Amino acid sequence: MVSPAFIRYALMSVLMFALAIFLLKFRLHLQAFLAYALAINAVGFLLYILDKGLSLKGWLRVPESLLYLVTFLGATPAAIVAQQLFWHKTTKRSFQIIFWSIALVQTAGIYIVVYTDLLQNIF
C-alpha cells in the first residue's frame, strides 16, 4: 500500500515543478530561474550537511519532511551529491523511496516540457 506521505509529497512535487516550469516558460527570465536554482540547491546541500553533523553528535535532527520539501522545490541535484559525498540517508529505505519518487516525477516533468508540446496546448 502506498503511504499517505508518498502521495502528499508526489502531488506537491508535481504541482511545484509544474509551477516552476510555467514560470520559466512564460513569465520568468532565465537569469532569475538560474539564481533560484543555485539558491535552492545551496540550501539543500547545506541542510544535508547540517543533518549529517547533527546525526553524528546525536542532537535534534533536520526533519525529513524539510529535506523532502527542499528536494521537490528543486534541490534534487544537490541532495544527490550530498547523499553520496557524506553517505547520508543512503541506507534508509523509506527515505530513498520517497526521494527517488520525487526525482522521477521531476524527470518526467522535464521530459514532458522539453520533448512534447503539452504546455503549449494547455496554455
C-alpha atoms as a PDB file:
ATOM      1  CA  MET A   1       0.000   0.000   0.000  1.00  0.00           C
ATOM      2  CA  VAL A   2       1.210   3.487  -0.847  1.00  0.00           C
ATOM      3  CA  SER A   3       1.702   5.668   2.197  1.00  0.00           C
ATOM      4  CA  PRO A   4      -0.125   8.985   2.562  1.00  0.00           C
ATOM      5  CA  ALA A   5       3.229  10.753   2.874  1.00  0.00           C
ATOM      6  CA  PHE A   6       4.289   9.411  -0.509  1.00  0.00           C
ATOM      7  CA  ILE A   7       1.083  10.606  -2.148  1.00  0.00           C
ATOM      8  CA  ARG A   8       1.326  14.013  -0.485  1.00  0.00           C
ATOM      9  CA  TYR A   9       4.946  14.610  -1.499  1.00  0.00           C
ATOM     10  CA  ALA A  10       4.426  13.265  -5.000  1.00  0.00           C
ATOM     11  CA  LEU A  11       1.492  15.598  -5.586  1.00  0.00           C
ATOM     12  CA  MET A  12       3.336  18.540  -4.079  1.00  0.00           C
ATOM     13  CA  SER A  13       6.340  17.759  -6.252  1.00  0.00           C
ATOM     14  CA  VAL A  14       4.262  17.652  -9.414  1.00  0.00           C
ATOM     15  CA  LEU A  15       2.498  20.912  -8.582  1.00  0.00           C
ATOM     16  CA  MET A  16       5.639  22.808  -7.614  1.00  0.00           C
ATOM     17  CA  PHE A  17       7.546  21.552 -10.624  1.00  0.00           C
ATOM     18  CA  ALA A  18       4.676  22.450 -12.959  1.00  0.00           C
ATOM     19  CA  LEU A  19       4.582  25.920 -11.429  1.00  0.00           C
ATOM     20  CA  ALA A  20       8.330  26.347 -11.863  1.00  0.00           C
ATOM     21  CA  ILE A  21       8.167  25.253 -15.499  1.00  0.00           C
ATOM     22  CA  PHE A  22       5.202  27.528 -16.156  1.00  0.00           C
ATOM     23  CA  LEU A  23       7.019  30.493 -14.649  1.00  0.00           C
ATOM     24  CA  LEU A  24      10.188  29.676 -16.541  1.00  0.00           C
ATOM     25  CA  LYS A  25       8.490  29.193 -19.859  1.00  0.00           C
ATOM     26  CA  PHE A  26       6.027  32.041 -19.762  1.00  0.00           C
ATOM     27  CA  ARG A  27       6.877  34.601 -17.111  1.00  0.00           C
ATOM     28  CA  LEU A  28      10.313  34.232 -15.573  1.00  0.00           C
ATOM     29  CA  HIS A  29      13.593  35.273 -17.132  1.00  0.00           C
ATOM     30  CA  LEU A  30      16.397  32.743 -17.388  1.00  0.00           C
ATOM     31  CA  GLN A  31      18.671  34.671 -15.012  1.00  0.00           C
ATOM     32  CA  ALA A  32      16.035  34.678 -12.279  1.00  0.00           C
ATOM     33  CA  PHE A  33      15.440  30.948 -12.746  1.00  0.00           C
ATOM     34  CA  LEU A  34      19.175  30.192 -12.565  1.00  0.00           C
ATOM     35  CA  ALA A  35      19.513  32.314  -9.416  1.00  0.00           C
ATOM     36  CA  TYR A  36      16.621  30.389  -7.860  1.00  0.00           C
ATOM     37  CA  ALA A  37      18.110  27.043  -8.884  1.00  0.00           C
ATOM     38  CA  LEU A  38      21.507  27.916  -7.414  1.00  0.00           C
ATOM     39  CA  ALA A  39      19.970  29.217  -4.198  1.00  0.00           C
ATOM     40  CA  ILE A  40      17.674  26.240  -3.584  1.00  0.00           C
ATOM     41  CA  ASN A  41      20.488  23.783  -4.346  1.00  0.00           C
ATOM     42  CA  ALA A  42      22.830  25.597  -1.950  1.00  0.00           C
ATOM     43  CA  VAL A  43      20.165  25.466   0.762  1.00  0.00           C
ATOM     44  CA  GLY A  44      19.537  21.775   0.099  1.00  0.00           C
ATOM     45  CA  PHE A  45      23.232  20.916   0.226  1.00  0.00           C
ATOM     46  CA  LEU A  46      23.695  22.833   3.479  1.00  0.00           C
ATOM     47  CA  LEU A  47      20.665  21.127   5.055  1.00  0.00           C
ATOM     48  CA  TYR A  48      22.147  17.700   4.288  1.00  0.00           C
ATOM     49  CA  ILE A  49      25.490  18.766   5.781  1.00  0.00           C
ATOM     50  CA  LEU A  50      23.718  20.112   8.860  1.00  0.00           C
ATOM     51  CA  ASP A  51      21.622  16.956   9.272  1.00  0.00           C
ATOM     52  CA  LYS A  52      24.681  14.728   8.942  1.00  0.00           C
ATOM     53  CA  GLY A  53      26.568  16.767  11.533  1.00  0.00           C
ATOM     54  CA  LEU A  54      23.642  16.705  13.926  1.00  0.00           C
ATOM     55  CA  SER A  55      23.239  12.954  13.484  1.00  0.00           C
ATOM     56  CA  LEU A  56      26.889  12.360  14.345  1.00  0.00           C
ATOM     57  CA  LYS A  57      26.523  14.373  17.556  1.00  0.00           C
ATOM     58  CA  GLY A  58      23.193  12.760  18.465  1.00  0.00           C
ATOM     59  CA  TRP A  59      21.383  16.092  18.533  1.00  0.00           C
ATOM     60  CA  LEU A  60      17.936  17.042  17.259  1.00  0.00           C
ATOM     61  CA  ARG A  61      17.869  16.415  13.506  1.00  0.00           C
ATOM     62  CA  VAL A  62      16.585  18.246  10.463  1.00  0.00           C
ATOM     63  CA  PRO A  63      13.090  16.832   9.790  1.00  0.00           C
ATOM     64  CA  GLU A  64      12.865  14.548   6.786  1.00  0.00           C
ATOM     65  CA  SER A  65       9.824  16.496   5.656  1.00  0.00           C
ATOM     66  CA  LEU A  66      12.050  19.571   5.278  1.00  0.00           C
ATOM     67  CA  LEU A  67      14.557  17.570   3.235  1.00  0.00           C
ATOM     68  CA  TYR A  68      11.693  16.375   1.008  1.00  0.00           C
ATOM     69  CA  LEU A  69      10.367  19.918   0.699  1.00  0.00           C
ATOM     70  CA  VAL A  70      13.705  21.324  -0.407  1.00  0.00           C
ATOM     71  CA  THR A  71      14.113  18.416  -2.809  1.00  0.00           C
ATOM     72  CA  PHE A  72      10.856  18.963  -4.615  1.00  0.00           C
ATOM     73  CA  LEU A  73      11.452  22.714  -4.684  1.00  0.00           C
ATOM     74  CA  GLY A  74      14.430  21.961  -6.920  1.00  0.00           C
ATOM     75  CA  ALA A  75      17.367  20.798  -4.806  1.00  0.00           C
ATOM     76  CA  THR A  76      17.384  17.264  -6.191  1.00  0.00           C
ATOM     77  CA  PRO A  77      20.865  17.576  -7.793  1.00  0.00           C
ATOM     78  CA  ALA A  78      22.400  18.956  -4.576  1.00  0.00           C
ATOM     79  CA  ALA A  79      20.631  16.311  -2.499  1.00  0.00           C
ATOM     80  CA  ILE A  80      22.038  13.508  -4.651  1.00  0.00           C
ATOM     81  CA  VAL A  81      25.560  14.925  -4.406  1.00  0.00           C
ATOM     82  CA  ALA A  82      25.292  15.484  -0.638  1.00  0.00           C
ATOM     83  CA  GLN A  83      23.932  11.978  -0.060  1.00  0.00           C
ATOM     84  CA  GLN A  84      26.850  10.455  -1.923  1.00  0.00           C
ATOM     85  CA  LEU A  85      29.570  12.717  -0.501  1.00  0.00           C
ATOM     86  CA  PHE A  86      28.519  12.319   3.124  1.00  0.00           C
ATOM     87  CA  TRP A  87      26.856   8.888   2.932  1.00  0.00           C
ATOM     88  CA  HIS A  88      23.780  10.418   4.470  1.00  0.00           C
ATOM     89  CA  LYS A  89      20.286   8.903   4.159  1.00  0.00           C
ATOM     90  CA  THR A  90      21.609   6.386   1.623  1.00  0.00           C
ATOM     91  CA  THR A  91      20.568   3.276   3.545  1.00  0.00           C
ATOM     92  CA  LYS A  92      17.242   4.457   4.931  1.00  0.00           C
ATOM     93  CA  ARG A  93      14.874   2.705   2.536  1.00  0.00           C
ATOM     94  CA  SER A  94      11.728   4.702   3.330  1.00  0.00           C
ATOM     95  CA  PHE A  95      13.570   7.977   2.710  1.00  0.00           C
ATOM     96  CA  GLN A  96      15.104   6.745  -0.532  1.00  0.00           C
ATOM     97  CA  ILE A  97      11.756   5.557  -1.923  1.00  0.00           C
ATOM     98  CA  ILE A  98      10.137   8.960  -1.449  1.00  0.00           C
ATOM     99  CA  PHE A  99      13.264  10.834  -2.548  1.00  0.00           C
ATOM    100  CA  TRP A 100      13.659   8.904  -5.809  1.00  0.00           C
ATOM    101  CA  SER A 101       9.923   9.115  -6.465  1.00  0.00           C
ATOM    102  CA  ILE A 102      10.197  12.895  -6.316  1.00  0.00           C
ATOM    103  CA  ALA A 103      13.209  12.780  -8.648  1.00  0.00           C
ATOM    104  CA  LEU A 104      11.333  10.505 -11.059  1.00  0.00           C
ATOM    105  CA  VAL A 105       8.321  12.819 -11.169  1.00  0.00           C
ATOM    106  CA  GLN A 106      10.613  15.784 -11.800  1.00  0.00           C
ATOM    107  CA  THR A 107      12.406  13.932 -14.585  1.00  0.00           C
ATOM    108  CA  ALA A 108       9.090  13.026 -16.209  1.00  0.00           C
ATOM    109  CA  GLY A 109       8.046  16.665 -15.941  1.00  0.00           C
ATOM    110  CA  ILE A 110      11.243  17.844 -17.620  1.00  0.00           C
ATOM    111  CA  TYR A 111      10.734  15.309 -20.402  1.00  0.00           C
ATOM    112  CA  ILE A 112       7.149  16.443 -20.937  1.00  0.00           C
ATOM    113  CA  VAL A 113       8.128  20.100 -21.052  1.00  0.00           C
ATOM    114  CA  VAL A 114      11.164  19.686 -23.291  1.00  0.00           C
ATOM    115  CA  TYR A 115      10.075  16.949 -25.708  1.00  0.00           C
ATOM    116  CA  THR A 116       6.329  17.461 -26.035  1.00  0.00           C
ATOM    117  CA  ASP A 117       4.094  20.405 -26.747  1.00  0.00           C
ATOM    118  CA  LEU A 118       1.756  19.647 -23.838  1.00  0.00           C
ATOM    119  CA  LEU A 119       2.255  23.021 -22.174  1.00  0.00           C
ATOM    120  CA  GLN A 120       1.654  24.863 -25.444  1.00  0.00           C
ATOM    121  CA  ASN A 121      -1.646  23.042 -25.836  1.00  0.00           C
ATOM    122  CA  ILE A 122      -2.677  23.863 -22.269  1.00  0.00           C
ATOM    123  CA  PHE A 123      -1.535  27.478 -22.154  1.00  0.00           C
END
